[in-house]
Amino acid sequence: MSVSTHVLDAAAGRPAAGIAVRLYAGDDLLAEGTTDDDGRCRLTEAATAAGPHRLVFATGPWFTGRGVAAFWPEVTLTFAVTEPAAHHHVPLLLSPFAYSTYRGS
């Protein structure tokens, strides 16, 4: 299973570059990275087991670094892996006081 994400700053209408992201399966840290200039981060190409996984985005430091007061010190997205060989793309649309997500392709 490969996992990637794409973070968009919904308030500014542009990619959110420089957000630290961690991928967990249960309590095990599988991978970590940082969003690039286009707001994208590919976390792993390696196979992982079926079951719940979490992406944890360090949004607090990112907002603070931009001088923006925000409600979310971090955002955690939990998703189910039912097809371990499939690619999982989990985007995050982020603003200081709201966020949304969906299963991407």
PDB file of N, CA and C in Angstrom:
ATOM      1  N   MET A   1       0.848  -1.169   0.000  1.00  0.00           N
ATOM      2  CA  MET A   1       0.000   0.000   0.000  1.00  0.00           C
ATOM      3  C   MET A   1       0.889   1.225   0.000  1.00  0.00           C
ATOM      4  N   SER A   2       0.631   2.122  -0.904  1.00  0.00           N
ATOM      5  CA  SER A   2       1.318   3.403  -0.842  1.00  0.00           C
ATOM      6  C   SER A   2       0.347   4.428  -0.273  1.00  0.00           C
ATOM      7  N   VAL A   3       0.901   5.417   0.412  1.00  0.00           N
ATOM      8  CA  VAL A   3       0.082   6.460   1.026  1.00  0.00           C
ATOM      9  C   VAL A   3       0.663   7.812   0.654  1.00  0.00           C
ATOM     10  N   SER A   4      -0.228   8.698   0.211  1.00  0.00           N
ATOM     11  CA  SER A   4       0.182  10.067  -0.077  1.00  0.00           C
ATOM     12  C   SER A   4      -0.894  11.015   0.430  1.00  0.00           C
ATOM     13  N   THR A   5      -0.513  12.284   0.536  1.00  0.00           N
ATOM     14  CA  THR A   5      -1.450  13.312   0.959  1.00  0.00           C
ATOM     15  C   THR A   5      -1.177  14.579   0.176  1.00  0.00           C
ATOM     16  N   HIS A   6      -2.108  15.481   0.226  1.00  0.00           N
ATOM     17  CA  HIS A   6      -1.997  16.785  -0.419  1.00  0.00           C
ATOM     18  C   HIS A   6      -2.734  17.748   0.495  1.00  0.00           C
ATOM     19  N   VAL A   7      -2.035  18.758   1.007  1.00  0.00           N
ATOM     20  CA  VAL A   7      -2.648  19.707   1.929  1.00  0.00           C
ATOM     21  C   VAL A   7      -2.828  21.035   1.216  1.00  0.00           C
ATOM     22  N   LEU A   8      -4.049  21.528   1.241  1.00  0.00           N
ATOM     23  CA  LEU A   8      -4.364  22.819   0.641  1.00  0.00           C
ATOM     24  C   LEU A   8      -4.788  23.791   1.727  1.00  0.00           C
ATOM     25  N   ASP A   9      -4.208  24.976   1.708  1.00  0.00           N
ATOM     26  CA  ASP A   9      -4.589  26.049   2.612  1.00  0.00           C
ATOM     27  C   ASP A   9      -5.851  26.673   2.020  1.00  0.00           C
ATOM     28  N   ALA A  10      -6.997  26.286   2.564  1.00  0.00           N
ATOM     29  CA  ALA A  10      -8.277  26.733   2.002  1.00  0.00           C
ATOM     30  C   ALA A  10      -8.504  28.224   2.209  1.00  0.00           C
ATOM     31  N   ALA A  11      -7.920  28.795   3.258  1.00  0.00           N
ATOM     32  CA  ALA A  11      -8.097  30.223   3.520  1.00  0.00           C
ATOM     33  C   ALA A  11      -7.310  31.067   2.530  1.00  0.00           C
ATOM     34  N   ALA A  12      -6.116  30.609   2.163  1.00  0.00           N
ATOM     35  CA  ALA A  12      -5.265  31.359   1.239  1.00  0.00           C
ATOM     36  C   ALA A  12      -5.458  30.935  -0.215  1.00  0.00           C
ATOM     37  N   GLY A  13      -6.081  29.766  -0.416  1.00  0.00           N
ATOM     38  CA  GLY A  13      -6.295  29.282  -1.780  1.00  0.00           C
ATOM     39  C   GLY A  13      -5.028  28.820  -2.464  1.00  0.00           C
ATOM     40  N   ARG A  14      -4.126  28.192  -1.684  1.00  0.00           N
ATOM     41  CA  ARG A  14      -2.876  27.698  -2.273  1.00  0.00           C
ATOM     42  C   ARG A  14      -2.390  26.460  -1.501  1.00  0.00           C
ATOM     43  N   PRO A  15      -1.403  25.755  -2.056  1.00  0.00           N
ATOM     44  CA  PRO A  15      -0.864  24.587  -1.357  1.00  0.00           C
ATOM     45  C   PRO A  15      -0.244  24.979  -0.025  1.00  0.00           C
ATOM     46  N   ALA A  16      -0.293  24.055   0.918  1.00  0.00           N
ATOM     47  CA  ALA A  16       0.289  24.273   2.243  1.00  0.00           C
ATOM     48  C   ALA A  16       1.634  23.556   2.309  1.00  0.00           C
ATOM     49  N   ALA A  17       2.688  24.269   1.984  1.00  0.00           N
ATOM     50  CA  ALA A  17       4.039  23.701   1.981  1.00  0.00           C
ATOM     51  C   ALA A  17       4.620  23.747   3.386  1.00  0.00           C
ATOM     52  N   GLY A  18       5.382  22.713   3.751  1.00  0.00           N
ATOM     53  CA  GLY A  18       6.129  22.717   4.997  1.00  0.00           C
ATOM     54  C   GLY A  18       5.419  22.152   6.205  1.00  0.00           C
ATOM     55  N   ILE A  19       4.328  21.407   6.008  1.00  0.00           N
ATOM     56  CA  ILE A  19       3.642  20.781   7.143  1.00  0.00           C
ATOM     57  C   ILE A  19       4.235  19.387   7.370  1.00  0.00           C
ATOM     58  N   ALA A  20       4.658  19.117   8.602  1.00  0.00           N
ATOM     59  CA  ALA A  20       5.164  17.797   8.959  1.00  0.00           C
ATOM     60  C   ALA A  20       3.993  16.819   9.056  1.00  0.00           C
ATOM     61  N   VAL A  21       4.186  15.606   8.510  1.00  0.00           N
ATOM     62  CA  VAL A  21       3.138  14.583   8.477  1.00  0.00           C
ATOM     63  C   VAL A  21       3.740  13.264   8.937  1.00  0.00           C
ATOM     64  N   ARG A  22       2.999  12.535   9.790  1.00  0.00           N
ATOM     65  CA  ARG A  22       3.410  11.207  10.236  1.00  0.00           C
ATOM     66  C   ARG A  22       2.322  10.197   9.880  1.00  0.00           C
ATOM     67  N   LEU A  23       2.727   8.995   9.488  1.00  0.00           N
ATOM     68  CA  LEU A  23       1.808   7.902   9.164  1.00  0.00           C
ATOM     69  C   LEU A  23       1.987   6.801  10.200  1.00  0.00           C
ATOM     70  N   TYR A  24       0.866   6.394  10.815  1.00  0.00           N
ATOM     71  CA  TYR A  24       0.867   5.331  11.818  1.00  0.00           C
ATOM     72  C   TYR A  24      -0.062   4.198  11.395  1.00  0.00           C
ATOM     73  N   ALA A  25       0.310   2.980  11.783  1.00  0.00           N
ATOM     74  CA  ALA A  25      -0.581   1.825  11.763  1.00  0.00           C
ATOM     75  C   ALA A  25      -0.651   1.377  13.215  1.00  0.00           C
ATOM     76  N   GLY A  26      -1.797   1.559  13.844  1.00  0.00           N
ATOM     77  CA  GLY A  26      -1.875   1.331  15.288  1.00  0.00           C
ATOM     78  C   GLY A  26      -0.971   2.334  15.979  1.00  0.00           C
ATOM     79  N   ASP A  27      -0.090   1.861  16.851  1.00  0.00           N
ATOM     80  CA  ASP A  27       0.865   2.738  17.530  1.00  0.00           C
ATOM     81  C   ASP A  27       2.215   2.791  16.833  1.00  0.00           C
ATOM     82  N   ASP A  28       2.354   2.061  15.735  1.00  0.00           N
ATOM     83  CA  ASP A  28       3.633   1.988  15.024  1.00  0.00           C
ATOM     84  C   ASP A  28       3.776   3.114  14.013  1.00  0.00           C
ATOM     85  N   LEU A  29       4.842   3.891  14.144  1.00  0.00           N
ATOM     86  CA  LEU A  29       5.160   4.928  13.160  1.00  0.00           C
ATOM     87  C   LEU A  29       5.724   4.250  11.924  1.00  0.00           C
ATOM     88  N   LEU A  30       5.037   4.414  10.784  1.00  0.00           N
ATOM     89  CA  LEU A  30       5.477   3.778   9.544  1.00  0.00           C
ATOM     90  C   LEU A  30       6.339   4.703   8.704  1.00  0.00           C
ATOM     91  N   ALA A  31       6.011   5.993   8.721  1.00  0.00           N
ATOM     92  CA  ALA A  31       6.737   6.940   7.869  1.00  0.00           C
ATOM     93  C   ALA A  31       6.460   8.353   8.342  1.00  0.00           C
ATOM     94  N   GLU A  32       7.333   9.265   7.953  1.00  0.00           N
ATOM     95  CA  GLU A  32       7.104  10.672   8.215  1.00  0.00           C
ATOM     96  C   GLU A  32       7.720  11.482   7.089  1.00  0.00           C
ATOM     97  N   GLY A  33       7.174  12.666   6.883  1.00  0.00           N
ATOM     98  CA  GLY A  33       7.664  13.532   5.823  1.00  0.00           C
ATOM     99  C   GLY A  33       7.134  14.937   6.013  1.00  0.00           C
ATOM    100  N   THR A  34       7.363  15.766   5.007  1.00  0.00           N
ATOM    101  CA  THR A  34       6.930  17.155   5.033  1.00  0.00           C
ATOM    102  C   THR A  34       6.340  17.493   3.671  1.00  0.00           C
ATOM    103  N   THR A  35       5.254  18.259   3.671  1.00  0.00           N
ATOM    104  CA  THR A  35       4.652  18.632   2.398  1.00  0.00           C
ATOM    105  C   THR A  35       5.608  19.511   1.602  1.00  0.00           C
ATOM    106  N   ASP A  36       5.647  19.274   0.288  1.00  0.00           N
ATOM    107  CA  ASP A  36       6.536  20.023  -0.596  1.00  0.00           C
ATOM    108  C   ASP A  36       5.894  21.351  -1.023  1.00  0.00           C
ATOM    109  N   ASP A  37       6.504  22.049  -1.956  1.00  0.00           N
ATOM    110  CA  ASP A  37       6.002  23.357  -2.390  1.00  0.00           C
ATOM    111  C   ASP A  37       4.603  23.283  -2.990  1.00  0.00           C
ATOM    112  N   ASP A  38       4.214  22.099  -3.467  1.00  0.00           N
ATOM    113  CA  ASP A  38       2.877  21.908  -4.021  1.00  0.00           C
ATOM    114  C   ASP A  38       1.910  21.349  -2.968  1.00  0.00           C
ATOM    115  N   GLY A  39       2.360  21.255  -1.699  1.00  0.00           N
ATOM    116  CA  GLY A  39       1.520  20.746  -0.621  1.00  0.00           C
ATOM    117  C   GLY A  39       1.401  19.236  -0.588  1.00  0.00           C
ATOM    118  N   ARG A  40       2.230  18.542  -1.362  1.00  0.00           N
ATOM    119  CA  ARG A  40       2.133  17.082  -1.478  1.00  0.00           C
ATOM    120  C   ARG A  40       3.206  16.380  -0.653  1.00  0.00           C
ATOM    121  N   CYS A  41       2.865  15.172  -0.208  1.00  0.00           N
ATOM    122  CA  CYS A  41       3.818  14.342   0.525  1.00  0.00           C
ATOM    123  C   CYS A  41       3.479  12.877   0.265  1.00  0.00           C
ATOM    124  N   ARG A  42       4.434  12.148  -0.279  1.00  0.00           N
ATOM    125  CA  ARG A  42       4.291  10.701  -0.457  1.00  0.00           C
ATOM    126  C   ARG A  42       4.999  10.055   0.718  1.00  0.00           C
ATOM    127  N   LEU A  43       4.238   9.307   1.523  1.00  0.00           N
ATOM    128  CA  LEU A  43       4.782   8.801   2.775  1.00  0.00           C
ATOM    129  C   LEU A  43       5.401   7.423   2.667  1.00  0.00           C
ATOM    130  N   THR A  44       4.840   6.553   1.877  1.00  0.00           N
ATOM    131  CA  THR A  44       5.427   5.220   1.755  1.00  0.00           C
ATOM    132  C   THR A  44       5.001   4.567   0.452  1.00  0.00           C
ATOM    133  N   GLU A  45       5.893   3.760  -0.061  1.00  0.00           N
ATOM    134  CA  GLU A  45       5.602   2.889  -1.205  1.00  0.00           C
ATOM    135  C   GLU A  45       5.537   1.442  -0.737  1.00  0.00           C
ATOM    136  N   ALA A  46       5.898   1.213   0.523  1.00  0.00           N
ATOM    137  CA  ALA A  46       5.983  -0.141   1.063  1.00  0.00           C
ATOM    138  C   ALA A  46       4.597  -0.689   1.395  1.00  0.00           C
ATOM    139  N   ALA A  47       4.483  -1.999   1.321  1.00  0.00           N
ATOM    140  CA  ALA A  47       3.234  -2.665   1.695  1.00  0.00           C
ATOM    141  C   ALA A  47       3.040  -2.566   3.198  1.00  0.00           C
ATOM    142  N   THR A  48       1.798  -2.477   3.615  1.00  0.00           N
ATOM    143  CA  THR A  48       1.456  -2.468   5.028  1.00  0.00           C
ATOM    144  C   THR A  48       0.197  -3.314   5.208  1.00  0.00           C
ATOM    145  N   ALA A  49      -0.081  -3.685   6.405  1.00  0.00           N
ATOM    146  CA  ALA A  49      -1.210  -4.575   6.686  1.00  0.00           C
ATOM    147  C   ALA A  49      -2.542  -3.841   6.592  1.00  0.00           C
ATOM    148  N   ALA A  50      -3.592  -4.603   6.400  1.00  0.00           N
ATOM    149  CA  ALA A  50      -4.945  -4.046   6.452  1.00  0.00           C
ATOM    150  C   ALA A  50      -5.233  -3.592   7.879  1.00  0.00           C
ATOM    151  N   GLY A  51      -6.154  -2.649   8.005  1.00  0.00           N
ATOM    152  CA  GLY A  51      -6.539  -2.162   9.319  1.00  0.00           C
ATOM    153  C   GLY A  51      -6.504  -0.654   9.381  1.00  0.00           C
ATOM    154  N   PRO A  52      -6.747  -0.099  10.560  1.00  0.00           N
ATOM    155  CA  PRO A  52      -6.774   1.352  10.696  1.00  0.00           C
ATOM    156  C   PRO A  52      -5.371   1.966  10.621  1.00  0.00           C
ATOM    157  N   HIS A  53      -5.289   3.082   9.947  1.00  0.00           N
ATOM    158  CA  HIS A  53      -4.065   3.871   9.822  1.00  0.00           C
ATOM    159  C   HIS A  53      -4.412   5.316  10.152  1.00  0.00           C
ATOM    160  N   ARG A  54      -3.397   6.076  10.552  1.00  0.00           N
ATOM    161  CA  ARG A  54      -3.613   7.488  10.889  1.00  0.00           C
ATOM    162  C   ARG A  54      -2.564   8.351  10.216  1.00  0.00           C
ATOM    163  N   LEU A  55      -3.007   9.474   9.700  1.00  0.00           N
ATOM    164  CA  LEU A  55      -2.105  10.542   9.287  1.00  0.00           C
ATOM    165  C   LEU A  55      -2.223  11.640  10.335  1.00  0.00           C
ATOM    166  N   VAL A  56      -1.094  12.094  10.851  1.00  0.00           N
ATOM    167  CA  VAL A  56      -1.077  13.153  11.854  1.00  0.00           C
ATOM    168  C   VAL A  56      -0.323  14.344  11.258  1.00  0.00           C
ATOM    169  N   PHE A  57      -1.009  15.460  11.134  1.00  0.00           N
ATOM    170  CA  PHE A  57      -0.464  16.671  10.534  1.00  0.00           C
ATOM    171  C   PHE A  57      -0.119  17.670  11.640  1.00  0.00           C
ATOM    172  N   ALA A  58       1.098  18.170  11.662  1.00  0.00           N
ATOM    173  CA  ALA A  58       1.537  19.145  12.665  1.00  0.00           C
ATOM    174  C   ALA A  58       1.121  20.547  12.203  1.00  0.00           C
ATOM    175  N   THR A  59      -0.155  20.838  12.345  1.00  0.00           N
ATOM    176  CA  THR A  59      -0.696  22.095  11.831  1.00  0.00           C
ATOM    177  C   THR A  59      -0.402  23.288  12.737  1.00  0.00           C
ATOM    178  N   GLY A  60      -0.290  23.070  14.043  1.00  0.00           N
ATOM    179  CA  GLY A  60      -0.028  24.173  14.965  1.00  0.00           C
ATOM    180  C   GLY A  60       1.254  24.919  14.650  1.00  0.00           C
ATOM    181  N   PRO A  61       2.390  24.215  14.561  1.00  0.00           N
ATOM    182  CA  PRO A  61       3.640  24.907  14.224  1.00  0.00           C
ATOM    183  C   PRO A  61       3.582  25.587  12.854  1.00  0.00           C
ATOM    184  N   TRP A  62       2.890  24.980  11.912  1.00  0.00           N
ATOM    185  CA  TRP A  62       2.774  25.559  10.571  1.00  0.00           C
ATOM    186  C   TRP A  62       2.010  26.882  10.635  1.00  0.00           C
ATOM    187  N   PHE A  63       0.862  26.900  11.322  1.00  0.00           N
ATOM    188  CA  PHE A  63       0.107  28.145  11.467  1.00  0.00           C
ATOM    189  C   PHE A  63       0.918  29.190  12.240  1.00  0.00           C
ATOM    190  N   THR A  64       1.544  28.779  13.349  1.00  0.00           N
ATOM    191  CA  THR A  64       2.333  29.703  14.168  1.00  0.00           C
ATOM    192  C   THR A  64       3.444  30.353  13.340  1.00  0.00           C
ATOM    193  N   GLY A  65       4.094  29.562  12.506  1.00  0.00           N
ATOM    194  CA  GLY A  65       5.160  30.073  11.646  1.00  0.00           C
ATOM    195  C   GLY A  65       4.689  31.114  10.647  1.00  0.00           C
ATOM    196  N   ARG A  66       3.396  31.171  10.417  1.00  0.00           N
ATOM    197  CA  ARG A  66       2.810  32.153   9.501  1.00  0.00           C
ATOM    198  C   ARG A  66       2.120  33.294  10.249  1.00  0.00           C
ATOM    199  N   GLY A  67       2.230  33.254  11.578  1.00  0.00           N
ATOM    200  CA  GLY A  67       1.609  34.304  12.379  1.00  0.00           C
ATOM    201  C   GLY A  67       0.096  34.224  12.410  1.00  0.00           C
ATOM    202  N   VAL A  68      -0.432  33.011  12.270  1.00  0.00           N
ATOM    203  CA  VAL A  68      -1.879  32.804  12.227  1.00  0.00           C
ATOM    204  C   VAL A  68      -2.327  32.069  13.492  1.00  0.00           C
ATOM    205  N   ALA A  69      -3.280  32.650  14.204  1.00  0.00           N
ATOM    206  CA  ALA A  69      -3.882  31.959  15.345  1.00  0.00           C
ATOM    207  C   ALA A  69      -4.825  30.894  14.802  1.00  0.00           C
ATOM    208  N   ALA A  70      -4.708  29.687  15.307  1.00  0.00           N
ATOM    209  CA  ALA A  70      -5.523  28.589  14.785  1.00  0.00           C
ATOM    210  C   ALA A  70      -6.045  27.719  15.911  1.00  0.00           C
ATOM    211  N   PHE A  71      -7.150  27.060  15.652  1.00  0.00           N
ATOM    212  CA  PHE A  71      -7.806  26.188  16.622  1.00  0.00           C
ATOM    213  C   PHE A  71      -7.186  24.795  16.666  1.00  0.00           C
ATOM    214  N   TRP A  72      -6.516  24.375  15.594  1.00  0.00           N
ATOM    215  CA  TRP A  72      -6.036  23.004  15.455  1.00  0.00           C
ATOM    216  C   TRP A  72      -4.527  22.908  15.671  1.00  0.00           C
ATOM    217  N   PRO A  73      -4.053  22.435  16.840  1.00  0.00           N
ATOM    218  CA  PRO A  73      -2.618  22.239  17.022  1.00  0.00           C
ATOM    219  C   PRO A  73      -2.093  21.066  16.175  1.00  0.00           C
ATOM    220  N   GLU A  74      -2.972  20.109  15.921  1.00  0.00           N
ATOM    221  CA  GLU A  74      -2.679  19.032  14.974  1.00  0.00           C
ATOM    222  C   GLU A  74      -3.996  18.485  14.449  1.00  0.00           C
ATOM    223  N   VAL A  75      -3.916  17.872  13.286  1.00  0.00           N
ATOM    224  CA  VAL A  75      -5.085  17.224  12.691  1.00  0.00           C
ATOM    225  C   VAL A  75      -4.735  15.754  12.514  1.00  0.00           C
ATOM    226  N   THR A  76      -5.607  14.881  13.007  1.00  0.00           N
ATOM    227  CA  THR A  76      -5.421  13.440  12.858  1.00  0.00           C
ATOM    228  C   THR A  76      -6.544  12.887  12.001  1.00  0.00           C
ATOM    229  N   LEU A  77      -6.171  12.216  10.923  1.00  0.00           N
ATOM    230  CA  LEU A  77      -7.144  11.577  10.036  1.00  0.00           C
ATOM    231  C   LEU A  77      -6.940  10.072  10.131  1.00  0.00           C
ATOM    232  N   THR A  78      -7.966   9.363  10.541  1.00  0.00           N
ATOM    233  CA  THR A  78      -7.911   7.907  10.655  1.00  0.00           C
ATOM    234  C   THR A  78      -8.687   7.314   9.494  1.00  0.00           C
ATOM    235  N   PHE A  79      -8.070   6.351   8.824  1.00  0.00           N
ATOM    236  CA  PHE A  79      -8.717   5.727   7.664  1.00  0.00           C
ATOM    237  C   PHE A  79      -8.458   4.228   7.687  1.00  0.00           C
ATOM    238  N   ALA A  80      -9.336   3.492   7.029  1.00  0.00           N
ATOM    239  CA  ALA A  80      -9.253   2.034   7.008  1.00  0.00           C
ATOM    240  C   ALA A  80      -8.580   1.560   5.732  1.00  0.00           C
ATOM    241  N   VAL A  81      -7.596   0.699   5.883  1.00  0.00           N
ATOM    242  CA  VAL A  81      -6.964   0.035   4.744  1.00  0.00           C
ATOM    243  C   VAL A  81      -7.603  -1.332   4.621  1.00  0.00           C
ATOM    244  N   THR A  82      -8.352  -1.514   3.553  1.00  0.00           N
ATOM    245  CA  THR A  82      -8.978  -2.809   3.306  1.00  0.00           C
ATOM    246  C   THR A  82      -8.314  -3.546   2.149  1.00  0.00           C
ATOM    247  N   GLU A  83      -7.594  -2.807   1.327  1.00  0.00           N
ATOM    248  CA  GLU A  83      -6.857  -3.390   0.203  1.00  0.00           C
ATOM    249  C   GLU A  83      -5.393  -2.977   0.347  1.00  0.00           C
ATOM    250  N   PRO A  84      -4.581  -3.782   1.023  1.00  0.00           N
ATOM    251  CA  PRO A  84      -3.202  -3.393   1.293  1.00  0.00           C
ATOM    252  C   PRO A  84      -2.369  -3.067   0.049  1.00  0.00           C
ATOM    253  N   ALA A  85      -2.706  -3.628  -1.104  1.00  0.00           N
ATOM    254  CA  ALA A  85      -1.931  -3.356  -2.315  1.00  0.00           C
ATOM    255  C   ALA A  85      -2.344  -2.057  -3.007  1.00  0.00           C
ATOM    256  N   ALA A  86      -3.455  -1.464  -2.611  1.00  0.00           N
ATOM    257  CA  ALA A  86      -3.966  -0.268  -3.281  1.00  0.00           C
ATOM    258  C   ALA A  86      -3.243   0.993  -2.813  1.00  0.00           C
ATOM    259  N   HIS A  87      -3.270   2.007  -3.670  1.00  0.00           N
ATOM    260  CA  HIS A  87      -2.754   3.322  -3.289  1.00  0.00           C
ATOM    261  C   HIS A  87      -3.827   4.062  -2.502  1.00  0.00           C
ATOM    262  N   HIS A  88      -3.429   4.718  -1.422  1.00  0.00           N
ATOM    263  CA  HIS A  88      -4.356   5.507  -0.614  1.00  0.00           C
ATOM    264  C   HIS A  88      -3.885   6.957  -0.614  1.00  0.00           C
ATOM    265  N   HIS A  89      -4.696   7.831  -1.191  1.00  0.00           N
ATOM    266  CA  HIS A  89      -4.401   9.268  -1.231  1.00  0.00           C
ATOM    267  C   HIS A  89      -5.428   9.951  -0.340  1.00  0.00           C
ATOM    268  N   VAL A  90      -4.944  10.665   0.689  1.00  0.00           N
ATOM    269  CA  VAL A  90      -5.816  11.254   1.694  1.00  0.00           C
ATOM    270  C   VAL A  90      -5.532  12.759   1.775  1.00  0.00           C
ATOM    271  N   PRO A  91      -6.251  13.576   0.992  1.00  0.00           N
ATOM    272  CA  PRO A  91      -6.039  15.023   1.004  1.00  0.00           C
ATOM    273  C   PRO A  91      -6.626  15.681   2.259  1.00  0.00           C
ATOM    274  N   LEU A  92      -6.082  16.851   2.580  1.00  0.00           N
ATOM    275  CA  LEU A  92      -6.561  17.653   3.697  1.00  0.00           C
ATOM    276  C   LEU A  92      -6.767  19.079   3.205  1.00  0.00           C
ATOM    277  N   LEU A  93      -7.991  19.582   3.347  1.00  0.00           N
ATOM    278  CA  LEU A  93      -8.308  20.979   3.055  1.00  0.00           C
ATOM    279  C   LEU A  93      -8.341  21.684   4.398  1.00  0.00           C
ATOM    280  N   LEU A  94      -7.458  22.650   4.595  1.00  0.00           N
ATOM    281  CA  LEU A  94      -7.186  23.190   5.915  1.00  0.00           C
ATOM    282  C   LEU A  94      -7.403  24.698   5.981  1.00  0.00           C
ATOM    283  N   SER A  95      -8.014  25.142   7.055  1.00  0.00           N
ATOM    284  CA  SER A  95      -8.076  26.562   7.387  1.00  0.00           C
ATOM    285  C   SER A  95      -7.862  26.676   8.897  1.00  0.00           C
ATOM    286  N   PRO A  96      -7.683  27.875   9.432  1.00  0.00           N
ATOM    287  CA  PRO A  96      -7.398  27.997  10.866  1.00  0.00           C
ATOM    288  C   PRO A  96      -8.487  27.436  11.785  1.00  0.00           C
ATOM    289  N   PHE A  97      -9.738  27.376  11.308  1.00  0.00           N
ATOM    290  CA  PHE A  97     -10.831  26.969  12.197  1.00  0.00           C
ATOM    291  C   PHE A  97     -11.687  25.836  11.647  1.00  0.00           C
ATOM    292  N   ALA A  98     -11.269  25.236  10.547  1.00  0.00           N
ATOM    293  CA  ALA A  98     -12.025  24.122   9.976  1.00  0.00           C
ATOM    294  C   ALA A  98     -11.104  23.296   9.082  1.00  0.00           C
ATOM    295  N   TYR A  99     -11.481  22.043   8.883  1.00  0.00           N
ATOM    296  CA  TYR A  99     -10.781  21.220   7.896  1.00  0.00           C
ATOM    297  C   TYR A  99     -11.746  20.185   7.357  1.00  0.00           C
ATOM    298  N   SER A 100     -11.421  19.664   6.187  1.00  0.00           N
ATOM    299  CA  SER A 100     -12.193  18.565   5.618  1.00  0.00           C
ATOM    300  C   SER A 100     -11.231  17.653   4.863  1.00  0.00           C
ATOM    301  N   THR A 101     -11.714  16.468   4.561  1.00  0.00           N
ATOM    302  CA  THR A 101     -10.907  15.484   3.863  1.00  0.00           C
ATOM    303  C   THR A 101     -11.806  14.598   3.017  1.00  0.00           C
ATOM    304  N   TYR A 102     -11.189  13.769   2.204  1.00  0.00           N
ATOM    305  CA  TYR A 102     -11.924  12.816   1.376  1.00  0.00           C
ATOM    306  C   TYR A 102     -10.933  11.763   0.899  1.00  0.00           C
ATOM    307  N   ARG A 103     -11.445  10.682   0.370  1.00  0.00           N
ATOM    308  CA  ARG A 103     -10.533   9.681  -0.214  1.00  0.00           C
ATOM    309  C   ARG A 103     -10.235  10.099  -1.633  1.00  0.00           C
ATOM    310  N   GLY A 104      -9.001  10.390  -1.881  1.00  0.00           N
ATOM    311  CA  GLY A 104      -8.579  10.798  -3.220  1.00  0.00           C
ATOM    312  C   GLY A 104      -8.214   9.609  -4.080  1.00  0.00           C
ATOM    313  N   SER A 105      -7.632   9.909  -5.211  1.00  0.00           N
ATOM    314  CA  SER A 105      -7.219   8.826  -6.120  1.00  0.00           C
ATOM    315  C   SER A 105      -5.778   9.011  -6.551  1.00  0.00           C
TER     316      SER A 105
END
